[in-house]
Amino acid sequence: MFAPSLFLGAMLGALYGDLLQLVVPGLIPHPEIYAIAGMGAIFAAAAQAPFVAITILLEVTGDYQLTPVVMAVCVTAFVVHGLLTRDSM
């Protein structure tokens, strides 16, 4: 579950960031951040473990300036998944 959720999150996040870059070029300075955020969102929701997802992403990327973004995305995905379904993978 770990690797597929990170891959799927990275691909969907990168697609979303690139689409935003095409639609509004000046608004999104770094669309690659959406790939990292997508990885955290999918893994946090699938595993129902937002703190693990936050820790893993920050350690993998080594960019601790992304901490607020990663935390917000992981917790939001966790809460939304909890509202929509009871079970985890």
PDB file of N, CA and C in Angstrom:
ATOM      1  N   MET A   1       0.821  -1.186   0.000  1.00  0.00           N
ATOM      2  CA  MET A   1       0.000   0.000   0.000  1.00  0.00           C
ATOM      3  C   MET A   1       0.869   1.256   0.000  1.00  0.00           C
ATOM      4  N   PHE A   2       2.061   1.167   0.550  1.00  0.00           N
ATOM      5  CA  PHE A   2       2.914   2.347   0.708  1.00  0.00           C
ATOM      6  C   PHE A   2       3.346   2.926  -0.644  1.00  0.00           C
ATOM      7  N   ALA A   3       4.028   2.128  -1.443  1.00  0.00           N
ATOM      8  CA  ALA A   3       4.562   2.626  -2.718  1.00  0.00           C
ATOM      9  C   ALA A   3       3.465   3.021  -3.712  1.00  0.00           C
ATOM     10  N   PRO A   4       2.418   2.212  -3.890  1.00  0.00           N
ATOM     11  CA  PRO A   4       1.371   2.630  -4.841  1.00  0.00           C
ATOM     12  C   PRO A   4       0.665   3.929  -4.442  1.00  0.00           C
ATOM     13  N   SER A   5       0.444   4.118  -3.144  1.00  0.00           N
ATOM     14  CA  SER A   5      -0.231   5.352  -2.735  1.00  0.00           C
ATOM     15  C   SER A   5       0.675   6.563  -2.941  1.00  0.00           C
ATOM     16  N   LEU A   6       1.968   6.415  -2.709  1.00  0.00           N
ATOM     17  CA  LEU A   6       2.884   7.527  -2.967  1.00  0.00           C
ATOM     18  C   LEU A   6       2.971   7.831  -4.458  1.00  0.00           C
ATOM     19  N   PHE A   7       3.024   6.792  -5.278  1.00  0.00           N
ATOM     20  CA  PHE A   7       3.088   6.991  -6.724  1.00  0.00           C
ATOM     21  C   PHE A   7       1.819   7.657  -7.242  1.00  0.00           C
ATOM     22  N   LEU A   8       0.675   7.137  -6.845  1.00  0.00           N
ATOM     23  CA  LEU A   8      -0.598   7.701  -7.295  1.00  0.00           C
ATOM     24  C   LEU A   8      -0.750   9.146  -6.831  1.00  0.00           C
ATOM     25  N   GLY A   9      -0.378   9.423  -5.591  1.00  0.00           N
ATOM     26  CA  GLY A   9      -0.459  10.785  -5.077  1.00  0.00           C
ATOM     27  C   GLY A   9       0.465  11.734  -5.812  1.00  0.00           C
ATOM     28  N   ALA A  10       1.670  11.265  -6.123  1.00  0.00           N
ATOM     29  CA  ALA A  10       2.619  12.114  -6.856  1.00  0.00           C
ATOM     30  C   ALA A  10       2.104  12.413  -8.258  1.00  0.00           C
ATOM     31  N   MET A  11       1.565  11.423  -8.926  1.00  0.00           N
ATOM     32  CA  MET A  11       1.074  11.643 -10.287  1.00  0.00           C
ATOM     33  C   MET A  11      -0.143  12.558 -10.308  1.00  0.00           C
ATOM     34  N   LEU A  12      -1.090  12.337  -9.407  1.00  0.00           N
ATOM     35  CA  LEU A  12      -2.282  13.189  -9.376  1.00  0.00           C
ATOM     36  C   LEU A  12      -1.945  14.603  -8.926  1.00  0.00           C
ATOM     37  N   GLY A  13      -1.059  14.729  -7.948  1.00  0.00           N
ATOM     38  CA  GLY A  13      -0.654  16.051  -7.485  1.00  0.00           C
ATOM     39  C   GLY A  13       0.102  16.826  -8.548  1.00  0.00           C
ATOM     40  N   ALA A  14       0.996  16.141  -9.265  1.00  0.00           N
ATOM     41  CA  ALA A  14       1.744  16.800 -10.338  1.00  0.00           C
ATOM     42  C   ALA A  14       0.815  17.219 -11.473  1.00  0.00           C
ATOM     43  N   LEU A  15      -0.151  16.368 -11.795  1.00  0.00           N
ATOM     44  CA  LEU A  15      -1.126  16.714 -12.824  1.00  0.00           C
ATOM     45  C   LEU A  15      -1.926  17.946 -12.413  1.00  0.00           C
ATOM     46  N   TYR A  16      -2.362  17.988 -11.180  1.00  0.00           N
ATOM     47  CA  TYR A  16      -3.124  19.131 -10.684  1.00  0.00           C
ATOM     48  C   TYR A  16      -2.278  20.401 -10.695  1.00  0.00           C
ATOM     49  N   GLY A  17      -1.031  20.306 -10.238  1.00  0.00           N
ATOM     50  CA  GLY A  17      -0.144  21.465 -10.249  1.00  0.00           C
ATOM     51  C   GLY A  17       0.148  21.966 -11.647  1.00  0.00           C
ATOM     52  N   ASP A  18       0.349  21.038 -12.587  1.00  0.00           N
ATOM     53  CA  ASP A  18       0.604  21.442 -13.970  1.00  0.00           C
ATOM     54  C   ASP A  18      -0.624  22.077 -14.610  1.00  0.00           C
ATOM     55  N   LEU A  19      -1.805  21.544 -14.304  1.00  0.00           N
ATOM     56  CA  LEU A  19      -3.026  22.146 -14.840  1.00  0.00           C
ATOM     57  C   LEU A  19      -3.240  23.549 -14.284  1.00  0.00           C
ATOM     58  N   LEU A  20      -2.982  23.733 -13.001  1.00  0.00           N
ATOM     59  CA  LEU A  20      -3.094  25.072 -12.428  1.00  0.00           C
ATOM     60  C   LEU A  20      -2.078  26.024 -13.053  1.00  0.00           C
ATOM     61  N   GLN A  21      -0.886  25.518 -13.330  1.00  0.00           N
ATOM     62  CA  GLN A  21       0.147  26.336 -13.966  1.00  0.00           C
ATOM     63  C   GLN A  21      -0.281  26.767 -15.362  1.00  0.00           C
ATOM     64  N   LEU A  22      -0.971  25.879 -16.083  1.00  0.00           N
ATOM     65  CA  LEU A  22      -1.446  26.226 -17.426  1.00  0.00           C
ATOM     66  C   LEU A  22      -2.593  27.231 -17.389  1.00  0.00           C
ATOM     67  N   VAL A  23      -3.493  27.051 -16.431  1.00  0.00           N
ATOM     68  CA  VAL A  23      -4.664  27.912 -16.353  1.00  0.00           C
ATOM     69  C   VAL A  23      -4.294  29.303 -15.832  1.00  0.00           C
ATOM     70  N   VAL A  24      -3.528  29.336 -14.745  1.00  0.00           N
ATOM     71  CA  VAL A  24      -3.143  30.605 -14.120  1.00  0.00           C
ATOM     72  C   VAL A  24      -1.629  30.596 -13.918  1.00  0.00           C
ATOM     73  N   PRO A  25      -0.863  30.979 -14.938  1.00  0.00           N
ATOM     74  CA  PRO A  25       0.591  30.837 -14.874  1.00  0.00           C
ATOM     75  C   PRO A  25       1.280  31.626 -13.759  1.00  0.00           C
ATOM     76  N   GLY A  26       0.845  32.802 -13.458  1.00  0.00           N
ATOM     77  CA  GLY A  26       1.525  33.615 -12.456  1.00  0.00           C
ATOM     78  C   GLY A  26       1.172  33.263 -11.027  1.00  0.00           C
ATOM     79  N   LEU A  27       0.089  32.534 -10.813  1.00  0.00           N
ATOM     80  CA  LEU A  27      -0.383  32.242  -9.463  1.00  0.00           C
ATOM     81  C   LEU A  27       0.404  31.118  -8.802  1.00  0.00           C
ATOM     82  N   ILE A  28       0.857  30.155  -9.577  1.00  0.00           N
ATOM     83  CA  ILE A  28       1.531  28.980  -9.035  1.00  0.00           C
ATOM     84  C   ILE A  28       3.019  29.042  -9.392  1.00  0.00           C
ATOM     85  N   PRO A  29       3.891  29.458  -8.458  1.00  0.00           N
ATOM     86  CA  PRO A  29       5.310  29.552  -8.803  1.00  0.00           C
ATOM     87  C   PRO A  29       6.019  28.203  -8.850  1.00  0.00           C
ATOM     88  N   HIS A  30       5.613  27.237  -8.021  1.00  0.00           N
ATOM     89  CA  HIS A  30       6.271  25.927  -7.961  1.00  0.00           C
ATOM     90  C   HIS A  30       5.224  24.816  -8.008  1.00  0.00           C
ATOM     91  N   PRO A  31       4.820  24.379  -9.195  1.00  0.00           N
ATOM     92  CA  PRO A  31       3.781  23.348  -9.275  1.00  0.00           C
ATOM     93  C   PRO A  31       4.244  21.974  -8.773  1.00  0.00           C
ATOM     94  N   GLU A  32       5.553  21.754  -8.648  1.00  0.00           N
ATOM     95  CA  GLU A  32       6.032  20.449  -8.181  1.00  0.00           C
ATOM     96  C   GLU A  32       5.711  20.201  -6.707  1.00  0.00           C
ATOM     97  N   ILE A  33       5.401  21.240  -5.971  1.00  0.00           N
ATOM     98  CA  ILE A  33       5.015  21.061  -4.572  1.00  0.00           C
ATOM     99  C   ILE A  33       3.706  20.288  -4.480  1.00  0.00           C
ATOM    100  N   TYR A  34       2.864  20.404  -5.493  1.00  0.00           N
ATOM    101  CA  TYR A  34       1.599  19.675  -5.498  1.00  0.00           C
ATOM    102  C   TYR A  34       1.825  18.171  -5.573  1.00  0.00           C
ATOM    103  N   ALA A  35       2.903  17.726  -6.177  1.00  0.00           N
ATOM    104  CA  ALA A  35       3.221  16.297  -6.221  1.00  0.00           C
ATOM    105  C   ALA A  35       3.520  15.783  -4.819  1.00  0.00           C
ATOM    106  N   ILE A  36       4.277  16.541  -4.058  1.00  0.00           N
ATOM    107  CA  ILE A  36       4.592  16.144  -2.680  1.00  0.00           C
ATOM    108  C   ILE A  36       3.335  16.173  -1.824  1.00  0.00           C
ATOM    109  N   ALA A  37       2.523  17.190  -1.993  1.00  0.00           N
ATOM    110  CA  ALA A  37       1.277  17.281  -1.231  1.00  0.00           C
ATOM    111  C   ALA A  37       0.330  16.136  -1.590  1.00  0.00           C
ATOM    112  N   GLY A  38       0.284  15.771  -2.864  1.00  0.00           N
ATOM    113  CA  GLY A  38      -0.559  14.650  -3.289  1.00  0.00           C
ATOM    114  C   GLY A  38      -0.102  13.329  -2.691  1.00  0.00           C
ATOM    115  N   MET A  39       1.205  13.141  -2.607  1.00  0.00           N
ATOM    116  CA  MET A  39       1.730  11.925  -1.985  1.00  0.00           C
ATOM    117  C   MET A  39       1.258  11.816  -0.540  1.00  0.00           C
ATOM    118  N   GLY A  40       1.354  12.920   0.181  1.00  0.00           N
ATOM    119  CA  GLY A  40       0.922  12.916   1.576  1.00  0.00           C
ATOM    120  C   GLY A  40      -0.570  12.705   1.733  1.00  0.00           C
ATOM    121  N   ALA A  41      -1.347  13.328   0.869  1.00  0.00           N
ATOM    122  CA  ALA A  41      -2.803  13.224   0.971  1.00  0.00           C
ATOM    123  C   ALA A  41      -3.281  11.798   0.729  1.00  0.00           C
ATOM    124  N   ILE A  42      -2.803  11.190  -0.334  1.00  0.00           N
ATOM    125  CA  ILE A  42      -3.258   9.833  -0.651  1.00  0.00           C
ATOM    126  C   ILE A  42      -2.812   8.840   0.416  1.00  0.00           C
ATOM    127  N   PHE A  43      -1.556   8.944   0.851  1.00  0.00           N
ATOM    128  CA  PHE A  43      -1.078   7.994   1.857  1.00  0.00           C
ATOM    129  C   PHE A  43      -1.760   8.210   3.206  1.00  0.00           C
ATOM    130  N   ALA A  44      -1.957   9.457   3.621  1.00  0.00           N
ATOM    131  CA  ALA A  44      -2.614   9.725   4.903  1.00  0.00           C
ATOM    132  C   ALA A  44      -4.050   9.211   4.910  1.00  0.00           C
ATOM    133  N   ALA A  45      -4.741   9.381   3.791  1.00  0.00           N
ATOM    134  CA  ALA A  45      -6.124   8.910   3.724  1.00  0.00           C
ATOM    135  C   ALA A  45      -6.199   7.391   3.612  1.00  0.00           C
ATOM    136  N   ALA A  46      -5.326   6.800   2.822  1.00  0.00           N
ATOM    137  CA  ALA A  46      -5.381   5.354   2.614  1.00  0.00           C
ATOM    138  C   ALA A  46      -4.970   4.590   3.868  1.00  0.00           C
ATOM    139  N   ALA A  47      -3.936   5.037   4.541  1.00  0.00           N
ATOM    140  CA  ALA A  47      -3.442   4.332   5.723  1.00  0.00           C
ATOM    141  C   ALA A  47      -4.111   4.806   7.010  1.00  0.00           C
ATOM    142  N   GLN A  48      -4.866   5.897   6.939  1.00  0.00           N
ATOM    143  CA  GLN A  48      -5.474   6.510   8.117  1.00  0.00           C
ATOM    144  C   GLN A  48      -4.408   6.811   9.164  1.00  0.00           C
ATOM    145  N   ALA A  49      -3.271   7.338   8.683  1.00  0.00           N
ATOM    146  CA  ALA A  49      -2.149   7.662   9.544  1.00  0.00           C
ATOM    147  C   ALA A  49      -1.508   8.976   9.094  1.00  0.00           C
ATOM    148  N   PRO A  50      -2.115  10.115   9.434  1.00  0.00           N
ATOM    149  CA  PRO A  50      -1.579  11.385   8.945  1.00  0.00           C
ATOM    150  C   PRO A  50      -0.196  11.724   9.505  1.00  0.00           C
ATOM    151  N   PHE A  51       0.075  11.379  10.770  1.00  0.00           N
ATOM    152  CA  PHE A  51       1.375  11.706  11.348  1.00  0.00           C
ATOM    153  C   PHE A  51       2.494  10.894  10.719  1.00  0.00           C
ATOM    154  N   VAL A  52       2.204   9.658  10.380  1.00  0.00           N
ATOM    155  CA  VAL A  52       3.194   8.826   9.684  1.00  0.00           C
ATOM    156  C   VAL A  52       3.464   9.406   8.301  1.00  0.00           C
ATOM    157  N   ALA A  53       2.422   9.822   7.599  1.00  0.00           N
ATOM    158  CA  ALA A  53       2.587  10.398   6.264  1.00  0.00           C
ATOM    159  C   ALA A  53       3.400  11.685   6.324  1.00  0.00           C
ATOM    160  N   ILE A  54       3.131  12.516   7.317  1.00  0.00           N
ATOM    161  CA  ILE A  54       3.880  13.767   7.474  1.00  0.00           C
ATOM    162  C   ILE A  54       5.352  13.468   7.715  1.00  0.00           C
ATOM    163  N   THR A  55       5.626  12.562   8.634  1.00  0.00           N
ATOM    164  CA  THR A  55       7.010  12.225   8.964  1.00  0.00           C
ATOM    165  C   THR A  55       7.739  11.634   7.777  1.00  0.00           C
ATOM    166  N   ILE A  56       7.112  10.714   7.082  1.00  0.00           N
ATOM    167  CA  ILE A  56       7.755  10.061   5.938  1.00  0.00           C
ATOM    168  C   ILE A  56       8.064  11.077   4.841  1.00  0.00           C
ATOM    169  N   LEU A  57       7.110  11.920   4.514  1.00  0.00           N
ATOM    170  CA  LEU A  57       7.339  12.890   3.435  1.00  0.00           C
ATOM    171  C   LEU A  57       8.419  13.902   3.769  1.00  0.00           C
ATOM    172  N   LEU A  58       8.426  14.362   4.995  1.00  0.00           N
ATOM    173  CA  LEU A  58       9.456  15.326   5.364  1.00  0.00           C
ATOM    174  C   LEU A  58      10.837  14.689   5.384  1.00  0.00           C
ATOM    175  N   GLU A  59      10.927  13.429   5.784  1.00  0.00           N
ATOM    176  CA  GLU A  59      12.210  12.734   5.775  1.00  0.00           C
ATOM    177  C   GLU A  59      12.652  12.379   4.355  1.00  0.00           C
ATOM    178  N   VAL A  60      11.730  11.990   3.519  1.00  0.00           N
ATOM    179  CA  VAL A  60      12.073  11.615   2.140  1.00  0.00           C
ATOM    180  C   VAL A  60      12.530  12.838   1.353  1.00  0.00           C
ATOM    181  N   THR A  61      11.812  13.944   1.484  1.00  0.00           N
ATOM    182  CA  THR A  61      12.160  15.128   0.710  1.00  0.00           C
ATOM    183  C   THR A  61      13.312  15.901   1.340  1.00  0.00           C
ATOM    184  N   GLY A  62      13.417  15.893   2.656  1.00  0.00           N
ATOM    185  CA  GLY A  62      14.454  16.657   3.332  1.00  0.00           C
ATOM    186  C   GLY A  62      14.205  18.152   3.328  1.00  0.00           C
ATOM    187  N   ASP A  63      13.040  18.568   2.883  1.00  0.00           N
ATOM    188  CA  ASP A  63      12.691  19.990   2.819  1.00  0.00           C
ATOM    189  C   ASP A  63      11.698  20.298   3.936  1.00  0.00           C
ATOM    190  N   TYR A  64      12.212  20.753   5.056  1.00  0.00           N
ATOM    191  CA  TYR A  64      11.363  20.986   6.210  1.00  0.00           C
ATOM    192  C   TYR A  64      10.605  22.307   6.123  1.00  0.00           C
ATOM    193  N   GLN A  65      10.834  23.090   5.094  1.00  0.00           N
ATOM    194  CA  GLN A  65      10.043  24.300   4.876  1.00  0.00           C
ATOM    195  C   GLN A  65       8.637  23.958   4.391  1.00  0.00           C
ATOM    196  N   LEU A  66       8.452  22.732   3.929  1.00  0.00           N
ATOM    197  CA  LEU A  66       7.135  22.288   3.468  1.00  0.00           C
ATOM    198  C   LEU A  66       6.257  21.768   4.604  1.00  0.00           C
ATOM    199  N   THR A  67       6.734  21.831   5.838  1.00  0.00           N
ATOM    200  CA  THR A  67       6.009  21.255   6.970  1.00  0.00           C
ATOM    201  C   THR A  67       4.572  21.756   7.082  1.00  0.00           C
ATOM    202  N   PRO A  68       4.298  23.060   7.034  1.00  0.00           N
ATOM    203  CA  PRO A  68       2.895  23.501   7.163  1.00  0.00           C
ATOM    204  C   PRO A  68       2.003  22.993   6.029  1.00  0.00           C
ATOM    205  N   VAL A  69       2.534  22.973   4.819  1.00  0.00           N
ATOM    206  CA  VAL A  69       1.747  22.516   3.668  1.00  0.00           C
ATOM    207  C   VAL A  69       1.436  21.030   3.802  1.00  0.00           C
ATOM    208  N   VAL A  70       2.447  20.241   4.115  1.00  0.00           N
ATOM    209  CA  VAL A  70       2.277  18.794   4.235  1.00  0.00           C
ATOM    210  C   VAL A  70       1.329  18.471   5.386  1.00  0.00           C
ATOM    211  N   MET A  71       1.461  19.179   6.499  1.00  0.00           N
ATOM    212  CA  MET A  71       0.570  18.932   7.632  1.00  0.00           C
ATOM    213  C   MET A  71      -0.885  19.248   7.274  1.00  0.00           C
ATOM    214  N   ALA A  72      -1.104  20.374   6.630  1.00  0.00           N
ATOM    215  CA  ALA A  72      -2.469  20.760   6.275  1.00  0.00           C
ATOM    216  C   ALA A  72      -3.099  19.772   5.306  1.00  0.00           C
ATOM    217  N   VAL A  73      -2.339  19.347   4.316  1.00  0.00           N
ATOM    218  CA  VAL A  73      -2.873  18.420   3.311  1.00  0.00           C
ATOM    219  C   VAL A  73      -3.166  17.057   3.920  1.00  0.00           C
ATOM    220  N   CYS A  74      -2.252  16.548   4.733  1.00  0.00           N
ATOM    221  CA  CYS A  74      -2.439  15.218   5.321  1.00  0.00           C
ATOM    222  C   CYS A  74      -3.621  15.186   6.290  1.00  0.00           C
ATOM    223  N   VAL A  75      -3.739  16.202   7.115  1.00  0.00           N
ATOM    224  CA  VAL A  75      -4.851  16.238   8.064  1.00  0.00           C
ATOM    225  C   VAL A  75      -6.177  16.429   7.338  1.00  0.00           C
ATOM    226  N   THR A  76      -6.200  17.258   6.318  1.00  0.00           N
ATOM    227  CA  THR A  76      -7.428  17.457   5.542  1.00  0.00           C
ATOM    228  C   THR A  76      -7.853  16.173   4.855  1.00  0.00           C
ATOM    229  N   ALA A  77      -6.916  15.465   4.249  1.00  0.00           N
ATOM    230  CA  ALA A  77      -7.242  14.197   3.590  1.00  0.00           C
ATOM    231  C   ALA A  77      -7.735  13.172   4.596  1.00  0.00           C
ATOM    232  N   PHE A  78      -7.117  13.138   5.762  1.00  0.00           N
ATOM    233  CA  PHE A  78      -7.529  12.207   6.818  1.00  0.00           C
ATOM    234  C   PHE A  78      -8.955  12.491   7.269  1.00  0.00           C
ATOM    235  N   VAL A  79      -9.286  13.758   7.483  1.00  0.00           N
ATOM    236  CA  VAL A  79     -10.627  14.133   7.945  1.00  0.00           C
ATOM    237  C   VAL A  79     -11.666  13.866   6.866  1.00  0.00           C
ATOM    238  N   VAL A  80     -11.372  14.219   5.632  1.00  0.00           N
ATOM    239  CA  VAL A  80     -12.320  13.998   4.535  1.00  0.00           C
ATOM    240  C   VAL A  80     -12.564  12.495   4.346  1.00  0.00           C
ATOM    241  N   HIS A  81     -11.515  11.703   4.408  1.00  0.00           N
ATOM    242  CA  HIS A  81     -11.687  10.251   4.275  1.00  0.00           C
ATOM    243  C   HIS A  81     -12.528   9.710   5.432  1.00  0.00           C
ATOM    244  N   GLY A  82     -12.299  10.233   6.637  1.00  0.00           N
ATOM    245  CA  GLY A  82     -13.089   9.792   7.779  1.00  0.00           C
ATOM    246  C   GLY A  82     -14.553  10.166   7.672  1.00  0.00           C
ATOM    247  N   LEU A  83     -14.845  11.275   7.043  1.00  0.00           N
ATOM    248  CA  LEU A  83     -16.247  11.682   6.849  1.00  0.00           C
ATOM    249  C   LEU A  83     -16.946  10.860   5.777  1.00  0.00           C
ATOM    250  N   LEU A  84     -16.178  10.396   4.784  1.00  0.00           N
ATOM    251  CA  LEU A  84     -16.777   9.687   3.663  1.00  0.00           C
ATOM    252  C   LEU A  84     -16.909   8.181   3.886  1.00  0.00           C
ATOM    253  N   THR A  85     -16.015   7.611   4.673  1.00  0.00           N
ATOM    254  CA  THR A  85     -16.044   6.165   4.890  1.00  0.00           C
ATOM    255  C   THR A  85     -15.518   5.831   6.271  1.00  0.00           C
ATOM    256  N   ARG A  86     -15.816   4.648   6.735  1.00  0.00           N
ATOM    257  CA  ARG A  86     -15.358   4.219   8.054  1.00  0.00           C
ATOM    258  C   ARG A  86     -14.074   3.397   8.008  1.00  0.00           C
ATOM    259  N   ASP A  87     -13.891   2.673   6.922  1.00  0.00           N
ATOM    260  CA  ASP A  87     -12.788   1.721   6.844  1.00  0.00           C
ATOM    261  C   ASP A  87     -11.557   2.311   6.182  1.00  0.00           C
ATOM    262  N   SER A  88     -10.398   1.760   6.544  1.00  0.00           N
ATOM    263  CA  SER A  88      -9.172   2.113   5.836  1.00  0.00           C
ATOM    264  C   SER A  88      -8.807   0.952   4.928  1.00  0.00           C
ATOM    265  N   MET A  89      -7.744   1.120   4.179  1.00  0.00           N
ATOM    266  CA  MET A  89      -7.324   0.034   3.305  1.00  0.00           C
ATOM    267  C   MET A  89      -6.792  -1.102   4.130  1.00  0.00           C
TER     268      MET A  89
END
